[in-house]
Amino acid sequence: MDAANESSEGAPFILLGLTTNPGQQQPLFVLFLVLYMVGILGNGLIVAAIRASPALHAPMYFLLAHLSFADLCFTSVTVPKMLANLLAHDRSISLAGCLTQMYFFFALGVTDSCLLAAMAYDCYVAIRHPLHYAMRMSRAMCTALVGTAWVMSHTHSLLHILLMARLSFCASHQVPHFFCDHQPLLRLSGSNTRHIQLLIFTEGAAVVVTPFLLILASYGAIAAAVLRLLSASGRLWAVSTCGSHLAVVGLFHGTVTAVYFQPTSQYKAKQGRVATVMYTVFTPMLNPVSYSLRNRDVQGALRALFTGRQISAGES
């Protein structure tokens, strides 16, 4: 029995992927390759444009550059492996590889959540306290917000991975997912996982739900100011802009909450895969469109990036 357990512990995990139907694998490969390239290109261009343009060194763009970089890394943690597995016969991944993937997935996902909250706060200060904006959103403040997001997310991820590494797993190492995610692995564990689930519902909620509530509070205050201060055309623009931001934020946090904040016994693999695709593929792709590509300053910086023209800090 001990020998069997040792053999099971050393065996690699098998990622079953999005589908086991051979007829669906190539169309899914093409679809997700296109989505992945659009996300990588969009976020990469935003980072490059902000770094290259002196006109985009305001606090909003500093935060946006970090969000785009985090999105670029976040989607790259899972999608390349998913694409490879759609075409490969060998879908195995070692325990060390599995835990490494989980570590960066959790860390970058929480970073995304915190940066979205920081950007909502920046927008709130700009609209509600314009005279104090330069003081409240100084470079030091922005650096502190970004540093806190990265440190908190990696601390959160490290805590979870240390607990996951202590689990023992059943003889079947088949993971009904396209990457090593929390819930499917907990279902395969033969250990007591109550302490990990308790951690998800407490510390996990603090780093996911709290930023979401801060975002809602910020946009609520912004909406009140907009309705009171702006003209009809200004209100329409603000509603359109904030509405697109909230739609992407709601998609990200809604699907994350649906996947993780439920007992492991109630987790359903098919629904979990669909929800996971939403926040691992679609929201990183939509963030550049929602936050950047409708912005005239960003559009000008992107044109300058392609043409090689220099933009001064005074140009719009």
Protein backbone atom coordinates (compact mmCIF):
# COMPACT_ATOMS: atom_id res chain seq x y z
CA MET A 1 0.00 0.00 0.00
CA ASP A 2 2.82 2.43 0.89
CA ALA A 3 4.60 1.56 -2.35
CA ALA A 4 1.44 2.25 -4.31
CA ASN A 5 1.05 5.61 -2.58
CA GLU A 6 4.67 6.53 -3.34
CA SER A 7 4.18 5.60 -6.98
CA SER A 8 1.01 7.68 -7.10
CA GLU A 9 2.71 10.69 -5.50
CA GLY A 10 5.55 10.60 -8.06
CA ALA A 11 3.26 10.22 -11.08
CA PRO A 12 2.61 13.29 -13.25
CA PHE A 13 -0.81 14.89 -13.57
CA ILE A 14 -2.69 14.52 -16.84
CA LEU A 15 -4.50 17.67 -17.96
CA LEU A 16 -7.64 16.55 -19.82
CA GLY A 17 -8.05 20.02 -21.32
CA LEU A 18 -11.10 21.77 -22.68
CA THR A 19 -12.29 18.69 -24.56
CA THR A 20 -11.32 15.10 -25.24
CA ASN A 21 -13.20 15.11 -28.57
CA PRO A 22 -10.56 15.00 -31.38
CA GLY A 23 -12.93 16.76 -33.80
CA GLN A 24 -13.14 19.83 -31.54
CA GLN A 25 -9.47 20.17 -30.71
CA GLN A 26 -8.19 21.87 -33.89
CA PRO A 27 -11.03 24.46 -34.09
CA LEU A 28 -10.51 25.26 -30.40
CA PHE A 29 -6.76 25.56 -30.99
CA VAL A 30 -7.30 28.12 -33.78
CA LEU A 31 -9.90 30.06 -31.75
CA PHE A 32 -7.80 30.33 -28.59
CA LEU A 33 -4.59 31.00 -30.50
CA VAL A 34 -6.27 34.02 -32.13
CA LEU A 35 -7.69 35.23 -28.78
CA TYR A 36 -4.32 34.75 -27.09
CA MET A 37 -2.44 36.66 -29.80
CA VAL A 38 -4.98 39.51 -29.68
CA GLY A 39 -4.56 39.74 -25.89
CA ILE A 40 -0.76 39.59 -26.03
CA LEU A 41 -0.58 42.15 -28.85
CA GLY A 42 -3.06 44.52 -27.18
CA ASN A 43 -1.44 44.45 -23.75
CA GLY A 44 2.09 44.50 -25.18
CA LEU A 45 1.34 47.57 -27.29
CA ILE A 46 -0.16 49.39 -24.31
CA VAL A 47 2.96 48.75 -22.20
CA ALA A 48 5.27 49.79 -25.06
CA ALA A 49 3.27 52.95 -25.86
CA ILE A 50 3.16 54.09 -22.23
CA ARG A 51 6.89 53.50 -21.74
CA ALA A 52 7.78 55.29 -24.97
CA SER A 53 5.51 58.35 -24.70
CA PRO A 54 6.27 61.24 -22.30
CA ALA A 55 2.60 62.26 -22.66
CA LEU A 56 1.51 59.05 -20.90
CA HIS A 57 3.38 59.38 -17.63
CA ALA A 58 0.33 60.40 -15.57
CA PRO A 59 -0.69 58.18 -12.62
CA MET A 60 -3.53 56.59 -14.61
CA TYR A 61 -1.12 55.36 -17.28
CA PHE A 62 1.45 54.20 -14.73
CA LEU A 63 -1.22 51.95 -13.21
CA LEU A 64 -2.47 50.91 -16.65
CA ALA A 65 1.01 49.82 -17.75
CA HIS A 66 1.25 47.53 -14.72
CA LEU A 67 -2.25 46.15 -15.36
CA SER A 68 -1.41 45.39 -19.00
CA PHE A 69 1.88 43.74 -18.00
CA ALA A 70 0.08 41.63 -15.35
CA ASP A 71 -2.60 40.65 -17.90
CA LEU A 72 0.05 39.68 -20.43
CA CYS A 73 1.77 37.42 -17.89
CA PHE A 74 -1.51 36.12 -16.43
CA THR A 75 -2.81 34.77 -19.72
CA SER A 76 0.64 33.37 -20.61
CA VAL A 77 0.67 31.19 -17.49
CA THR A 78 -2.14 28.95 -18.76
CA VAL A 79 -2.97 29.49 -22.44
CA PRO A 80 0.29 28.28 -24.10
CA LYS A 81 0.08 24.98 -22.19
CA MET A 82 -3.61 24.68 -23.12
CA LEU A 83 -2.78 25.27 -26.81
CA ALA A 84 0.05 22.73 -26.74
CA ASN A 85 -2.21 20.12 -25.11
CA LEU A 86 -4.89 20.60 -27.78
CA LEU A 87 -2.42 19.26 -30.36
CA ALA A 88 -0.16 16.99 -28.27
CA HIS A 89 -0.73 13.39 -27.24
CA ASP A 90 1.27 13.82 -24.04
CA ARG A 91 -0.71 16.13 -21.71
CA SER A 92 1.26 15.37 -18.57
CA ILE A 93 2.66 17.92 -16.12
CA SER A 94 4.80 17.17 -13.08
CA LEU A 95 3.74 18.06 -9.54
CA ALA A 96 6.47 20.74 -9.43
CA GLY A 97 5.28 22.15 -12.76
CA CYS A 98 1.71 22.06 -11.55
CA LEU A 99 2.47 23.96 -8.34
CA THR A 100 4.61 26.48 -10.24
CA GLN A 101 1.77 27.15 -12.67
CA MET A 102 -0.67 27.55 -9.79
CA TYR A 103 1.67 29.92 -7.95
CA PHE A 104 1.97 32.38 -10.84
CA PHE A 105 -1.69 32.00 -11.76
CA PHE A 106 -2.86 32.94 -8.26
CA ALA A 107 -0.28 35.71 -7.86
CA LEU A 108 -1.05 37.39 -11.18
CA GLY A 109 -4.81 36.98 -10.77
CA VAL A 110 -4.78 38.74 -7.39
CA THR A 111 -2.44 41.42 -8.80
CA ASP A 112 -5.02 42.06 -11.52
CA SER A 113 -7.77 42.40 -8.92
CA CYS A 114 -5.78 44.87 -6.80
CA LEU A 115 -4.66 46.96 -9.79
CA LEU A 116 -8.24 47.25 -11.03
CA ALA A 117 -9.16 48.62 -7.58
CA ALA A 118 -6.22 51.06 -7.69
CA MET A 119 -7.34 52.33 -11.10
CA ALA A 120 -10.90 52.81 -9.86
CA TYR A 121 -9.53 54.82 -6.90
CA ASP A 122 -7.43 56.94 -9.28
CA CYS A 123 -10.54 57.70 -11.35
CA TYR A 124 -12.48 58.54 -8.16
CA VAL A 125 -9.84 61.01 -6.97
CA ALA A 126 -9.57 62.63 -10.42
CA ILE A 127 -13.33 63.32 -10.58
CA ARG A 128 -14.26 63.92 -6.94
CA HIS A 129 -11.09 65.74 -5.77
CA PRO A 130 -9.46 67.28 -8.87
CA LEU A 131 -7.71 70.05 -6.91
CA HIS A 132 -5.98 67.50 -4.67
CA TYR A 133 -5.32 64.93 -7.41
CA ALA A 134 -1.60 65.67 -7.85
CA MET A 135 -1.01 65.34 -4.10
CA ARG A 136 -3.19 62.26 -3.52
CA MET A 137 -1.96 60.40 -6.61
CA SER A 138 1.70 61.34 -6.41
CA ARG A 139 4.36 59.08 -7.91
CA ALA A 140 5.14 57.77 -4.43
CA MET A 141 1.47 56.93 -3.84
CA CYS A 142 1.16 55.13 -7.19
CA THR A 143 4.34 53.18 -6.52
CA ALA A 144 3.02 52.20 -3.08
CA LEU A 145 -0.30 51.02 -4.59
CA VAL A 146 1.45 48.94 -7.25
CA GLY A 147 4.03 47.59 -4.80
CA THR A 148 1.30 46.58 -2.35
CA ALA A 149 -0.59 44.79 -5.13
CA TRP A 150 2.45 42.75 -6.19
CA VAL A 151 3.63 41.93 -2.65
CA MET A 152 0.15 41.02 -1.37
CA SER A 153 -0.57 38.81 -4.38
CA HIS A 154 2.68 36.86 -4.14
CA THR A 155 2.27 36.42 -0.38
CA HIS A 156 -1.27 35.13 -0.92
CA SER A 157 -0.10 32.74 -3.63
CA LEU A 158 2.87 31.44 -1.64
CA LEU A 159 0.64 30.65 1.33
CA HIS A 160 -1.75 28.62 -0.83
CA ILE A 161 1.01 26.76 -2.66
CA LEU A 162 2.77 25.78 0.57
CA LEU A 163 -0.50 24.23 1.79
CA MET A 164 -1.20 22.54 -1.57
CA ALA A 165 2.31 21.03 -1.62
CA ARG A 166 1.55 19.12 1.62
CA LEU A 167 -1.44 17.29 0.13
CA SER A 168 -1.35 13.69 -1.03
CA PHE A 169 -3.24 12.72 -4.18
CA CYS A 170 -5.26 9.72 -5.27
CA ALA A 171 -4.05 7.12 -7.74
CA SER A 172 -5.94 8.90 -10.54
CA HIS A 173 -4.02 12.03 -11.52
CA GLN A 174 -6.37 13.03 -14.33
CA VAL A 175 -7.25 16.72 -13.94
CA PRO A 176 -10.50 17.65 -15.76
CA HIS A 177 -9.18 21.09 -16.67
CA PHE A 178 -6.78 22.82 -19.08
CA PHE A 179 -4.38 23.88 -16.30
CA CYS A 180 -3.61 23.08 -12.67
CA ASP A 181 -6.40 24.88 -10.87
CA HIS A 182 -7.34 24.84 -7.22
CA GLN A 183 -10.71 23.11 -7.22
CA PRO A 184 -9.94 20.15 -9.55
CA LEU A 185 -6.77 19.35 -7.61
CA LEU A 186 -8.57 19.49 -4.27
CA ARG A 187 -11.08 16.99 -5.68
CA LEU A 188 -8.18 14.60 -6.44
CA SER A 189 -6.61 14.91 -3.01
CA GLY A 190 -6.92 12.13 -0.47
CA SER A 191 -5.96 14.52 2.34
CA ASN A 192 -8.16 16.65 4.55
CA THR A 193 -8.60 19.89 2.59
CA ARG A 194 -10.85 21.78 5.02
CA HIS A 195 -8.04 24.10 6.13
CA ILE A 196 -7.37 25.12 2.51
CA GLN A 197 -11.05 25.69 1.81
CA LEU A 198 -11.30 27.77 4.99
CA LEU A 199 -8.35 29.84 3.78
CA ILE A 200 -10.10 30.44 0.44
CA PHE A 201 -13.25 31.70 2.15
CA THR A 202 -11.34 34.02 4.51
CA GLU A 203 -7.98 35.28 3.25
CA GLY A 204 -8.96 34.55 -0.37
CA ALA A 205 -12.13 36.62 -0.01
CA ALA A 206 -10.08 39.49 1.43
CA VAL A 207 -7.86 39.77 -1.65
CA VAL A 208 -10.61 39.20 -4.25
CA VAL A 209 -13.93 40.43 -2.83
CA THR A 210 -12.53 43.49 -1.01
CA PRO A 211 -11.02 45.04 -4.18
CA PHE A 212 -14.30 44.39 -6.00
CA LEU A 213 -16.27 46.19 -3.29
CA LEU A 214 -13.80 49.11 -3.43
CA ILE A 215 -14.29 49.29 -7.21
CA LEU A 216 -18.08 49.38 -6.84
CA ALA A 217 -17.85 52.07 -4.13
CA SER A 218 -15.48 54.17 -6.28
CA TYR A 219 -17.68 53.99 -9.36
CA GLY A 220 -20.77 54.68 -7.26
CA ALA A 221 -19.20 57.90 -5.99
CA ILE A 222 -18.05 58.77 -9.51
CA ALA A 223 -21.57 58.26 -10.87
CA ALA A 224 -23.01 60.60 -8.24
CA ALA A 225 -20.47 63.31 -9.15
CA VAL A 226 -21.02 62.85 -12.88
CA LEU A 227 -24.79 63.22 -12.63
CA ARG A 228 -24.37 66.39 -10.58
CA LEU A 229 -21.56 68.14 -12.43
CA LEU A 230 -21.47 67.17 -16.10
CA SER A 231 -23.58 68.16 -19.09
CA ALA A 232 -25.83 65.67 -20.89
CA SER A 233 -23.10 64.80 -23.44
CA GLY A 234 -20.54 64.49 -20.65
CA ARG A 235 -22.83 62.18 -18.72
CA LEU A 236 -23.32 59.98 -21.78
CA TRP A 237 -19.55 59.70 -22.29
CA ALA A 238 -18.97 58.96 -18.59
CA VAL A 239 -21.72 56.32 -18.47
CA SER A 240 -20.31 54.66 -21.60
CA THR A 241 -16.75 54.64 -20.25
CA CYS A 242 -17.60 53.55 -16.70
CA GLY A 243 -20.09 51.01 -18.03
CA SER A 244 -17.43 49.28 -20.13
CA HIS A 245 -15.02 49.26 -17.18
CA LEU A 246 -17.64 47.78 -14.85
CA ALA A 247 -18.65 45.16 -17.42
CA VAL A 248 -15.08 43.84 -17.64
CA VAL A 249 -14.57 44.07 -13.86
CA GLY A 250 -17.89 42.29 -13.27
CA LEU A 251 -16.97 39.52 -15.72
CA PHE A 252 -13.60 39.00 -14.02
CA HIS A 253 -14.76 39.06 -10.40
CA GLY A 254 -18.08 37.32 -11.10
CA THR A 255 -16.50 34.29 -12.74
CA VAL A 256 -13.67 34.12 -10.17
CA THR A 257 -16.24 34.15 -7.35
CA ALA A 258 -18.35 31.49 -9.06
CA VAL A 259 -15.36 29.14 -9.42
CA TYR A 260 -13.55 29.51 -6.11
CA PHE A 261 -16.07 30.55 -3.49
CA GLN A 262 -18.00 27.31 -3.33
CA PRO A 263 -17.37 24.05 -1.47
CA THR A 264 -15.12 21.66 -3.37
CA SER A 265 -17.84 18.99 -3.16
CA GLN A 266 -20.14 21.22 -5.26
CA TYR A 267 -17.56 22.05 -7.94
CA LYS A 268 -18.59 20.98 -11.46
CA ALA A 269 -15.71 20.56 -13.90
CA LYS A 270 -17.51 21.59 -17.12
CA GLN A 271 -18.97 24.81 -15.69
CA GLY A 272 -15.64 25.51 -13.99
CA ARG A 273 -13.75 25.29 -17.30
CA VAL A 274 -16.17 27.67 -19.03
CA ALA A 275 -16.01 30.22 -16.20
CA THR A 276 -12.22 29.97 -16.06
CA VAL A 277 -11.91 30.74 -19.77
CA MET A 278 -13.76 34.00 -19.11
CA TYR A 279 -11.20 35.39 -16.67
CA THR A 280 -8.05 33.76 -18.07
CA VAL A 281 -8.61 34.56 -21.76
CA PHE A 282 -11.38 37.09 -22.29
CA THR A 283 -10.83 39.71 -19.57
CA PRO A 284 -7.06 40.07 -20.29
CA MET A 285 -8.02 40.59 -23.93
CA LEU A 286 -10.81 43.09 -23.12
CA ASN A 287 -8.89 45.22 -20.62
CA PRO A 288 -6.81 47.05 -23.31
CA VAL A 289 -10.01 47.87 -25.23
CA SER A 290 -11.91 48.97 -22.14
CA TYR A 291 -9.20 51.06 -20.50
CA SER A 292 -6.94 52.16 -23.34
CA LEU A 293 -7.86 51.86 -26.98
CA ARG A 294 -10.82 54.28 -26.69
CA ASN A 295 -8.48 56.89 -25.17
CA ARG A 296 -7.25 59.54 -27.63
CA ASP A 297 -3.92 59.98 -25.81
CA VAL A 298 -3.25 56.24 -26.03
CA GLN A 299 -4.31 56.18 -29.69
CA GLY A 300 -1.88 59.01 -30.44
CA ALA A 301 0.93 57.22 -28.60
CA LEU A 302 0.24 54.00 -30.53
CA ARG A 303 0.34 55.88 -33.85
CA ALA A 304 3.63 57.46 -32.79
CA LEU A 305 4.96 54.04 -31.79
CA PHE A 306 4.28 52.68 -35.28
CA THR A 307 5.50 55.75 -37.19
CA GLY A 308 8.51 56.50 -34.99
CA ARG A 309 7.29 60.06 -34.31
CA GLN A 310 8.15 61.59 -30.93
CA ILE A 311 5.24 62.91 -28.81
CA SER A 312 5.95 65.70 -26.36
CA ALA A 313 4.34 65.80 -22.91
CA GLY A 314 2.17 68.71 -24.01
CA GLU A 315 0.61 66.94 -27.00
CA SER A 316 -2.83 65.27 -26.71
